PDB file of N, CA and C in Angstrom:
ATOM      1  N   MET A   1       6.162 -19.184  -3.234  1.00  0.00           N
ATOM      2  CA  MET A   1       6.495 -17.868  -2.763  1.00  0.00           C
ATOM      3  C   MET A   1       6.047 -17.743  -1.308  1.00  0.00           C
ATOM      4  N   LYS A   2       6.889 -17.163  -0.476  1.00  0.00           N
ATOM      5  CA  LYS A   2       6.567 -16.969   0.935  1.00  0.00           C
ATOM      6  C   LYS A   2       6.474 -15.480   1.222  1.00  0.00           C
ATOM      7  N   MET A   3       5.391 -15.078   1.890  1.00  0.00           N
ATOM      8  CA  MET A   3       5.229 -13.673   2.241  1.00  0.00           C
ATOM      9  C   MET A   3       5.835 -13.435   3.607  1.00  0.00           C
ATOM     10  N   ARG A   4       6.508 -12.297   3.750  1.00  0.00           N
ATOM     11  CA  ARG A   4       7.098 -11.926   5.033  1.00  0.00           C
ATOM     12  C   ARG A   4       7.142 -10.407   5.143  1.00  0.00           C
ATOM     13  N   ALA A   5       7.174  -9.920   6.368  1.00  0.00           N
ATOM     14  CA  ALA A   5       7.265  -8.480   6.608  1.00  0.00           C
ATOM     15  C   ALA A   5       8.637  -7.976   6.162  1.00  0.00           C
ATOM     16  N   VAL A   6       8.682  -6.747   5.693  1.00  0.00           N
ATOM     17  CA  VAL A   6       9.945  -6.125   5.300  1.00  0.00           C
ATOM     18  C   VAL A   6      10.620  -5.632   6.576  1.00  0.00           C
ATOM     19  N   GLU A   7      11.803  -6.177   6.874  1.00  0.00           N
ATOM     20  CA  GLU A   7      12.532  -5.792   8.078  1.00  0.00           C
ATOM     21  C   GLU A   7      12.860  -4.305   8.046  1.00  0.00           C
ATOM     22  N   GLY A   8      12.462  -3.580   9.071  1.00  0.00           N
ATOM     23  CA  GLY A   8      12.785  -2.159   9.166  1.00  0.00           C
ATOM     24  C   GLY A   8      11.919  -1.257   8.305  1.00  0.00           C
ATOM     25  N   GLY A   9      10.925  -1.798   7.624  1.00  0.00           N
ATOM     26  CA  GLY A   9      10.052  -0.981   6.778  1.00  0.00           C
ATOM     27  C   GLY A   9      10.529  -0.929   5.341  1.00  0.00           C
ATOM     28  N   LEU A  10       9.745  -0.310   4.504  1.00  0.00           N
ATOM     29  CA  LEU A  10      10.049  -0.188   3.080  1.00  0.00           C
ATOM     30  C   LEU A  10      10.617   1.191   2.828  1.00  0.00           C
ATOM     31  N   GLU A  11      11.878   1.269   2.420  1.00  0.00           N
ATOM     32  CA  GLU A  11      12.529   2.558   2.206  1.00  0.00           C
ATOM     33  C   GLU A  11      12.139   3.141   0.853  1.00  0.00           C
ATOM     34  N   ILE A  12      11.775   4.418   0.864  1.00  0.00           N
ATOM     35  CA  ILE A  12      11.489   5.158  -0.361  1.00  0.00           C
ATOM     36  C   ILE A  12      12.455   6.340  -0.369  1.00  0.00           C
ATOM     37  N   LYS A  13      13.477   6.274  -1.211  1.00  0.00           N
ATOM     38  CA  LYS A  13      14.505   7.312  -1.258  1.00  0.00           C
ATOM     39  C   LYS A  13      13.977   8.554  -1.971  1.00  0.00           C
ATOM     40  N   PRO A  14      14.561   9.724  -1.684  1.00  0.00           N
ATOM     41  CA  PRO A  14      14.113  10.967  -2.320  1.00  0.00           C
ATOM     42  C   PRO A  14      14.069  10.843  -3.844  1.00  0.00           C
ATOM     43  N   GLY A  15      12.947  11.232  -4.429  1.00  0.00           N
ATOM     44  CA  GLY A  15      12.791  11.209  -5.879  1.00  0.00           C
ATOM     45  C   GLY A  15      12.462   9.847  -6.464  1.00  0.00           C
ATOM     46  N   GLU A  16      12.458   8.795  -5.641  1.00  0.00           N
ATOM     47  CA  GLU A  16      12.171   7.451  -6.140  1.00  0.00           C
ATOM     48  C   GLU A  16      10.681   7.147  -6.067  1.00  0.00           C
ATOM     49  N   THR A  17      10.264   6.184  -6.860  1.00  0.00           N
ATOM     50  CA  THR A  17       8.902   5.692  -6.860  1.00  0.00           C
ATOM     51  C   THR A  17       8.919   4.234  -6.439  1.00  0.00           C
ATOM     52  N   VAL A  18       8.016   3.861  -5.562  1.00  0.00           N
ATOM     53  CA  VAL A  18       7.869   2.466  -5.144  1.00  0.00           C
ATOM     54  C   VAL A  18       6.498   2.010  -5.602  1.00  0.00           C
ATOM     55  N   THR A  19       6.458   0.894  -6.314  1.00  0.00           N
ATOM     56  CA  THR A  19       5.195   0.349  -6.798  1.00  0.00           C
ATOM     57  C   THR A  19       4.789  -0.821  -5.926  1.00  0.00           C
ATOM     58  N   LEU A  20       3.569  -0.755  -5.417  1.00  0.00           N
ATOM     59  CA  LEU A  20       3.016  -1.853  -4.626  1.00  0.00           C
ATOM     60  C   LEU A  20       2.107  -2.647  -5.536  1.00  0.00           C
ATOM     61  N   LYS A  21       2.371  -3.977  -5.665  1.00  0.00           N
ATOM     62  CA  LYS A  21       1.581  -4.803  -6.578  1.00  0.00           C
ATOM     63  C   LYS A  21       1.661  -6.269  -6.175  1.00  0.00           C
ATOM     64  N   PRO A  22       0.684  -7.051  -6.616  1.00  0.00           N
ATOM     65  CA  PRO A  22       0.734  -8.493  -6.349  1.00  0.00           C
ATOM     66  C   PRO A  22       2.016  -9.096  -6.931  1.00  0.00           C
ATOM     67  N   GLY A  23       2.621  -9.999  -6.193  1.00  0.00           N
ATOM     68  CA  GLY A  23       3.850 -10.640  -6.657  1.00  0.00           C
ATOM     69  C   GLY A  23       5.096  -9.825  -6.351  1.00  0.00           C
ATOM     70  N   GLY A  24       4.932  -8.595  -5.885  1.00  0.00           N
ATOM     71  CA  GLY A  24       6.052  -7.723  -5.517  1.00  0.00           C
ATOM     72  C   GLY A  24       5.783  -7.172  -4.123  1.00  0.00           C
ATOM     73  N   ASP A  25       6.334  -6.004  -3.839  1.00  0.00           N
ATOM     74  CA  ASP A  25       6.033  -5.367  -2.566  1.00  0.00           C
ATOM     75  C   ASP A  25       4.553  -5.006  -2.531  1.00  0.00           C
ATOM     76  N   HIS A  26       3.907  -5.335  -1.438  1.00  0.00           N
ATOM     77  CA  HIS A  26       2.484  -5.025  -1.299  1.00  0.00           C
ATOM     78  C   HIS A  26       2.113  -4.983   0.173  1.00  0.00           C
ATOM     79  N   MET A  27       0.931  -4.441   0.453  1.00  0.00           N
ATOM     80  CA  MET A  27       0.402  -4.456   1.807  1.00  0.00           C
ATOM     81  C   MET A  27      -0.583  -5.601   1.915  1.00  0.00           C
ATOM     82  N   MET A  28      -0.548  -6.281   3.040  1.00  0.00           N
ATOM     83  CA  MET A  28      -1.519  -7.336   3.276  1.00  0.00           C
ATOM     84  C   MET A  28      -2.259  -6.995   4.568  1.00  0.00           C
ATOM     85  N   PHE A  29      -3.576  -6.985   4.474  1.00  0.00           N
ATOM     86  CA  PHE A  29      -4.392  -6.720   5.645  1.00  0.00           C
ATOM     87  C   PHE A  29      -4.743  -8.051   6.298  1.00  0.00           C
ATOM     88  N   ILE A  30      -4.506  -8.148   7.594  1.00  0.00           N
ATOM     89  CA  ILE A  30      -4.833  -9.360   8.333  1.00  0.00           C
ATOM     90  C   ILE A  30      -5.792  -9.008   9.462  1.00  0.00           C
ATOM     91  N   LYS A  31      -6.521 -10.005   9.917  1.00  0.00           N
ATOM     92  CA  LYS A  31      -7.481  -9.842  11.009  1.00  0.00           C
ATOM     93  C   LYS A  31      -8.501  -8.748  10.705  1.00  0.00           C
ATOM     94  N   LEU A  32      -9.022  -8.729   9.480  1.00  0.00           N
ATOM     95  CA  LEU A  32     -10.058  -7.761   9.122  1.00  0.00           C
ATOM     96  C   LEU A  32     -11.311  -8.038   9.937  1.00  0.00           C
ATOM     97  N   LYS A  33     -12.014  -6.999  10.305  1.00  0.00           N
ATOM     98  CA  LYS A  33     -13.223  -7.138  11.117  1.00  0.00           C
ATOM     99  C   LYS A  33     -14.450  -7.432  10.267  1.00  0.00           C
ATOM    100  N   GLN A  34     -14.351  -7.194   8.955  1.00  0.00           N
ATOM    101  CA  GLN A  34     -15.443  -7.516   8.043  1.00  0.00           C
ATOM    102  C   GLN A  34     -14.874  -7.812   6.667  1.00  0.00           C
ATOM    103  N   GLN A  35     -15.641  -8.516   5.850  1.00  0.00           N
ATOM    104  CA  GLN A  35     -15.207  -8.879   4.514  1.00  0.00           C
ATOM    105  C   GLN A  35     -15.181  -7.642   3.621  1.00  0.00           C
ATOM    106  N   LEU A  36     -14.193  -7.561   2.737  1.00  0.00           N
ATOM    107  CA  LEU A  36     -14.108  -6.445   1.796  1.00  0.00           C
ATOM    108  C   LEU A  36     -15.145  -6.625   0.696  1.00  0.00           C
ATOM    109  N   GLN A  37     -15.795  -5.555   0.317  1.00  0.00           N
ATOM    110  CA  GLN A  37     -16.828  -5.592  -0.706  1.00  0.00           C
ATOM    111  C   GLN A  37     -16.380  -4.783  -1.923  1.00  0.00           C
ATOM    112  N   THR A  38     -16.351  -5.425  -3.098  1.00  0.00           N
ATOM    113  CA  THR A  38     -15.990  -4.732  -4.335  1.00  0.00           C
ATOM    114  C   THR A  38     -16.867  -3.503  -4.497  1.00  0.00           C
ATOM    115  N   GLY A  39     -16.253  -2.389  -4.883  1.00  0.00           N
ATOM    116  CA  GLY A  39     -16.980  -1.143  -5.067  1.00  0.00           C
ATOM    117  C   GLY A  39     -16.904  -0.231  -3.850  1.00  0.00           C
ATOM    118  N   ASN A  40     -16.558  -0.778  -2.697  1.00  0.00           N
ATOM    119  CA  ASN A  40     -16.382   0.037  -1.491  1.00  0.00           C
ATOM    120  C   ASN A  40     -14.941   0.525  -1.418  1.00  0.00           C
ATOM    121  N   ALA A  41     -14.599   1.210  -0.359  1.00  0.00           N
ATOM    122  CA  ALA A  41     -13.238   1.690  -0.149  1.00  0.00           C
ATOM    123  C   ALA A  41     -12.782   1.265   1.246  1.00  0.00           C
ATOM    124  N   VAL A  42     -11.465   1.141   1.413  1.00  0.00           N
ATOM    125  CA  VAL A  42     -10.853   0.798   2.691  1.00  0.00           C
ATOM    126  C   VAL A  42     -10.001   1.975   3.122  1.00  0.00           C
ATOM    127  N   GLU A  43     -10.175   2.400   4.361  1.00  0.00           N
ATOM    128  CA  GLU A  43      -9.338   3.457   4.905  1.00  0.00           C
ATOM    129  C   GLU A  43      -8.146   2.819   5.617  1.00  0.00           C
ATOM    130  N   ALA A  44      -6.979   3.431   5.484  1.00  0.00           N
ATOM    131  CA  ALA A  44      -5.779   2.934   6.147  1.00  0.00           C
ATOM    132  C   ALA A  44      -4.922   4.119   6.557  1.00  0.00           C
ATOM    133  N   THR A  45      -4.051   3.894   7.508  1.00  0.00           N
ATOM    134  CA  THR A  45      -3.107   4.916   7.935  1.00  0.00           C
ATOM    135  C   THR A  45      -1.706   4.370   7.715  1.00  0.00           C
ATOM    136  N   LEU A  46      -0.908   5.083   6.945  1.00  0.00           N
ATOM    137  CA  LEU A  46       0.483   4.710   6.702  1.00  0.00           C
ATOM    138  C   LEU A  46       1.357   5.492   7.668  1.00  0.00           C
ATOM    139  N   GLN A  47       2.370   4.837   8.222  1.00  0.00           N
ATOM    140  CA  GLN A  47       3.276   5.495   9.170  1.00  0.00           C
ATOM    141  C   GLN A  47       4.633   5.675   8.491  1.00  0.00           C
ATOM    142  N   PHE A  48       5.067   6.925   8.338  1.00  0.00           N
ATOM    143  CA  PHE A  48       6.346   7.249   7.722  1.00  0.00           C
ATOM    144  C   PHE A  48       7.310   7.743   8.793  1.00  0.00           C
ATOM    145  N   GLU A  49       8.574   7.396   8.626  1.00  0.00           N
ATOM    146  CA  GLU A  49       9.596   7.766   9.598  1.00  0.00           C
ATOM    147  C   GLU A  49       9.713   9.276   9.749  1.00  0.00           C
ATOM    148  N   LYS A  50       9.696  10.016   8.633  1.00  0.00           N
ATOM    149  CA  LYS A  50       9.889  11.465   8.689  1.00  0.00           C
ATOM    150  C   LYS A  50       8.615  12.250   8.408  1.00  0.00           C
ATOM    151  N   ALA A  51       7.739  11.727   7.607  1.00  0.00           N
ATOM    152  CA  ALA A  51       6.529  12.456   7.219  1.00  0.00           C
ATOM    153  C   ALA A  51       5.375  12.236   8.196  1.00  0.00           C
ATOM    154  N   GLY A  52       5.540  11.355   9.172  1.00  0.00           N
ATOM    155  CA  GLY A  52       4.463  11.083  10.123  1.00  0.00           C
ATOM    156  C   GLY A  52       3.420  10.160   9.528  1.00  0.00           C
ATOM    157  N   THR A  53       2.174  10.345   9.941  1.00  0.00           N
ATOM    158  CA  THR A  53       1.109   9.477   9.454  1.00  0.00           C
ATOM    159  C   THR A  53       0.376  10.118   8.292  1.00  0.00           C
ATOM    160  N   VAL A  54      -0.057   9.277   7.369  1.00  0.00           N
ATOM    161  CA  VAL A  54      -0.824   9.716   6.209  1.00  0.00           C
ATOM    162  C   VAL A  54      -2.025   8.792   6.083  1.00  0.00           C
ATOM    163  N   LYS A  55      -3.227   9.371   6.145  1.00  0.00           N
ATOM    164  CA  LYS A  55      -4.439   8.578   5.979  1.00  0.00           C
ATOM    165  C   LYS A  55      -4.745   8.471   4.491  1.00  0.00           C
ATOM    166  N   ILE A  56      -5.074   7.253   4.053  1.00  0.00           N
ATOM    167  CA  ILE A  56      -5.394   7.029   2.649  1.00  0.00           C
ATOM    168  C   ILE A  56      -6.702   6.258   2.542  1.00  0.00           C
ATOM    169  N   GLU A  57      -7.287   6.288   1.376  1.00  0.00           N
ATOM    170  CA  GLU A  57      -8.485   5.511   1.089  1.00  0.00           C
ATOM    171  C   GLU A  57      -8.216   4.750  -0.201  1.00  0.00           C
ATOM    172  N   MET A  58      -8.441   3.444  -0.161  1.00  0.00           N
ATOM    173  CA  MET A  58      -8.165   2.595  -1.323  1.00  0.00           C
ATOM    174  C   MET A  58      -9.447   1.948  -1.808  1.00  0.00           C
ATOM    175  N   PRO A  59      -9.696   1.976  -3.120  1.00  0.00           N
ATOM    176  CA  PRO A  59     -10.889   1.309  -3.651  1.00  0.00           C
ATOM    177  C   PRO A  59     -10.717  -0.205  -3.587  1.00  0.00           C
ATOM    178  N   VAL A  60     -11.801  -0.927  -3.347  1.00  0.00           N
ATOM    179  CA  VAL A  60     -11.787  -2.388  -3.345  1.00  0.00           C
ATOM    180  C   VAL A  60     -12.218  -2.833  -4.738  1.00  0.00           C
ATOM    181  N   VAL A  61     -11.321  -3.547  -5.429  1.00  0.00           N
ATOM    182  CA  VAL A  61     -11.607  -4.051  -6.777  1.00  0.00           C
ATOM    183  C   VAL A  61     -11.416  -5.562  -6.785  1.00  0.00           C
ATOM    184  N   ALA A  62     -11.968  -6.218  -7.793  1.00  0.00           N
ATOM    185  CA  ALA A  62     -11.829  -7.665  -7.923  1.00  0.00           C
ATOM    186  C   ALA A  62     -10.365  -8.031  -8.165  1.00  0.00           C
ATOM    187  N   ILE A  63      -9.975  -9.214  -7.723  1.00  0.00           N
ATOM    188  CA  ILE A  63      -8.606  -9.680  -7.945  1.00  0.00           C
ATOM    189  C   ILE A  63      -8.308  -9.655  -9.440  1.00  0.00           C
ATOM    190  N   GLY A  64      -7.173  -9.051  -9.793  1.00  0.00           N
ATOM    191  CA  GLY A  64      -6.765  -8.967 -11.196  1.00  0.00           C
ATOM    192  C   GLY A  64      -7.301  -7.749 -11.916  1.00  0.00           C
ATOM    193  N   ALA A  65      -8.241  -7.027 -11.322  1.00  0.00           N
ATOM    194  CA  ALA A  65      -8.795  -5.829 -11.958  1.00  0.00           C
ATOM    195  C   ALA A  65      -7.897  -4.635 -11.651  1.00  0.00           C
ATOM    196  N   ALA A  66      -7.848  -3.681 -12.566  1.00  0.00           N
ATOM    197  CA  ALA A  66      -7.066  -2.469 -12.350  1.00  0.00           C
ATOM    198  C   ALA A  66      -7.836  -1.525 -11.435  1.00  0.00           C
ATOM    199  N   ALA A  67      -7.125  -0.898 -10.521  1.00  0.00           N
ATOM    200  CA  ALA A  67      -7.744   0.128  -9.674  1.00  0.00           C
ATOM    201  C   ALA A  67      -8.058   1.337 -10.548  1.00  0.00           C
ATOM    202  N   PRO A  68      -9.058   2.125 -10.185  1.00  0.00           N
ATOM    203  CA  PRO A  68      -9.393   3.311 -10.974  1.00  0.00           C
ATOM    204  C   PRO A  68      -8.178   4.211 -11.156  1.00  0.00           C
ATOM    205  N   GLY A  69      -7.878   4.560 -12.402  1.00  0.00           N
ATOM    206  CA  GLY A  69      -6.765   5.453 -12.703  1.00  0.00           C
ATOM    207  C   GLY A  69      -5.399   4.807 -12.688  1.00  0.00           C
ATOM    208  N   VAL A  70      -5.344   3.472 -12.521  1.00  0.00           N
ATOM    209  CA  VAL A  70      -4.064   2.761 -12.458  1.00  0.00           C
ATOM    210  C   VAL A  70      -4.102   1.616 -13.450  1.00  0.00           C
ATOM    211  N   SER A  71      -2.998   1.434 -14.197  1.00  0.00           N
ATOM    212  CA  SER A  71      -2.945   0.298 -15.107  1.00  0.00           C
ATOM    213  C   SER A  71      -2.868  -0.988 -14.296  1.00  0.00           C
ATOM    214  N   THR A  72      -3.232  -2.119 -14.884  1.00  0.00           N
ATOM    215  CA  THR A  72      -3.211  -3.397 -14.190  1.00  0.00           C
ATOM    216  C   THR A  72      -1.833  -3.647 -13.600  1.00  0.00           C
ATOM    217  N   GLY A  73      -1.799  -4.073 -12.352  1.00  0.00           N
ATOM    218  CA  GLY A  73      -0.523  -4.393 -11.722  1.00  0.00           C
ATOM    219  C   GLY A  73      -0.283  -3.666 -10.423  1.00  0.00           C
ATOM    220  N   GLY A  74      -1.101  -2.703 -10.051  1.00  0.00           N
ATOM    221  CA  GLY A  74      -0.933  -2.084  -8.742  1.00  0.00           C
ATOM    222  C   GLY A  74      -0.837  -0.590  -8.792  1.00  0.00           C
ATOM    223  N   GLY A  75      -0.662   0.009  -7.634  1.00  0.00           N
ATOM    224  CA  GLY A  75      -0.591   1.463  -7.506  1.00  0.00           C
ATOM    225  C   GLY A  75       0.820   1.911  -7.253  1.00  0.00           C
ATOM    226  N   THR A  76       1.034   3.202  -7.292  1.00  0.00           N
ATOM    227  CA  THR A  76       2.351   3.783  -7.081  1.00  0.00           C
ATOM    228  C   THR A  76       2.280   4.818  -5.983  1.00  0.00           C
ATOM    229  N   MET A  77       3.290   4.848  -5.129  1.00  0.00           N
ATOM    230  CA  MET A  77       3.351   5.849  -4.081  1.00  0.00           C
ATOM    231  C   MET A  77       4.751   6.438  -4.072  1.00  0.00           C
ATOM    232  N   MET A  78       4.855   7.770  -4.074  1.00  0.00           N
ATOM    233  CA  MET A  78       6.165   8.402  -4.031  1.00  0.00           C
ATOM    234  C   MET A  78       6.189   9.411  -2.900  1.00  0.00           C
ATOM    235  N   MET A  79       7.240   9.372  -2.107  1.00  0.00           N
ATOM    236  CA  MET A  79       7.435  10.353  -1.056  1.00  0.00           C
ATOM    237  C   MET A  79       8.667  11.159  -1.412  1.00  0.00           C
ATOM    238  N   GLN A  80       8.592  12.452  -1.279  1.00  0.00           N
ATOM    239  CA  GLN A  80       9.693  13.327  -1.664  1.00  0.00           C
ATOM    240  C   GLN A  80      10.828  13.369  -0.638  1.00  0.00           C
ATOM    241  N   ASP A  81      10.566  12.967   0.611  1.00  0.00           N
ATOM    242  CA  ASP A  81      11.580  13.129   1.649  1.00  0.00           C
ATOM    243  C   ASP A  81      12.335  11.859   2.026  1.00  0.00           C
ATOM    244  N   GLY A  82      12.166  10.794   1.265  1.00  0.00           N
ATOM    245  CA  GLY A  82      12.899   9.554   1.545  1.00  0.00           C
ATOM    246  C   GLY A  82      12.371   8.796   2.744  1.00  0.00           C
ATOM    247  N   SER A  83      11.114   8.963   3.054  1.00  0.00           N
ATOM    248  CA  SER A  83      10.515   8.306   4.215  1.00  0.00           C
ATOM    249  C   SER A  83      10.500   6.800   4.069  1.00  0.00           C
ATOM    250  N   LYS A  84      10.512   6.124   5.211  1.00  0.00           N
ATOM    251  CA  LYS A  84      10.301   4.683   5.223  1.00  0.00           C
ATOM    252  C   LYS A  84       8.826   4.445   5.459  1.00  0.00           C
ATOM    253  N   MET A  85       8.244   3.517   4.718  1.00  0.00           N
ATOM    254  CA  MET A  85       6.820   3.247   4.808  1.00  0.00           C
ATOM    255  C   MET A  85       6.570   2.013   5.651  1.00  0.00           C
ATOM    256  N   HIS A  86       5.618   2.122   6.564  1.00  0.00           N
ATOM    257  CA  HIS A  86       5.140   0.998   7.362  1.00  0.00           C
ATOM    258  C   HIS A  86       3.648   0.930   7.145  1.00  0.00           C
ATOM    259  N   SER A  87       3.134  -0.203   6.729  1.00  0.00           N
ATOM    260  CA  SER A  87       1.695  -0.310   6.521  1.00  0.00           C
ATOM    261  C   SER A  87       1.003  -0.549   7.839  1.00  0.00           C
ATOM    262  N   GLY A  88      -0.239  -0.141   7.892  1.00  0.00           N
ATOM    263  CA  GLY A  88      -1.035  -0.351   9.089  1.00  0.00           C
ATOM    264  C   GLY A  88      -2.474  -0.010   8.793  1.00  0.00           C
ATOM    265  N   HIS A  89      -3.355  -0.276   9.711  1.00  0.00           N
ATOM    266  CA  HIS A  89      -4.758   0.093   9.540  1.00  0.00           C
ATOM    267  C   HIS A  89      -5.411   0.342  10.858  1.00  0.00           C
TER     268      HIS A  89
END
């Protein structure tokens, strides 16, 4: 499997749900300034075409572990206005 950036961003159409998970669409953080520590949280800013920027906080969990409140396999993000998502930090 080869990882690559999504050309033009990840489209989320009105009323749709996009699931970010390993093996599917996901965010990858590169050039981190420090190692991630299980039990801590990571702050990130998502850039949406129409909704602007949204600051989020994500818990750091062990590989394969479910995030708090999410079944194993990843989290879900839904935007009501059909915004395109661009990951960033």
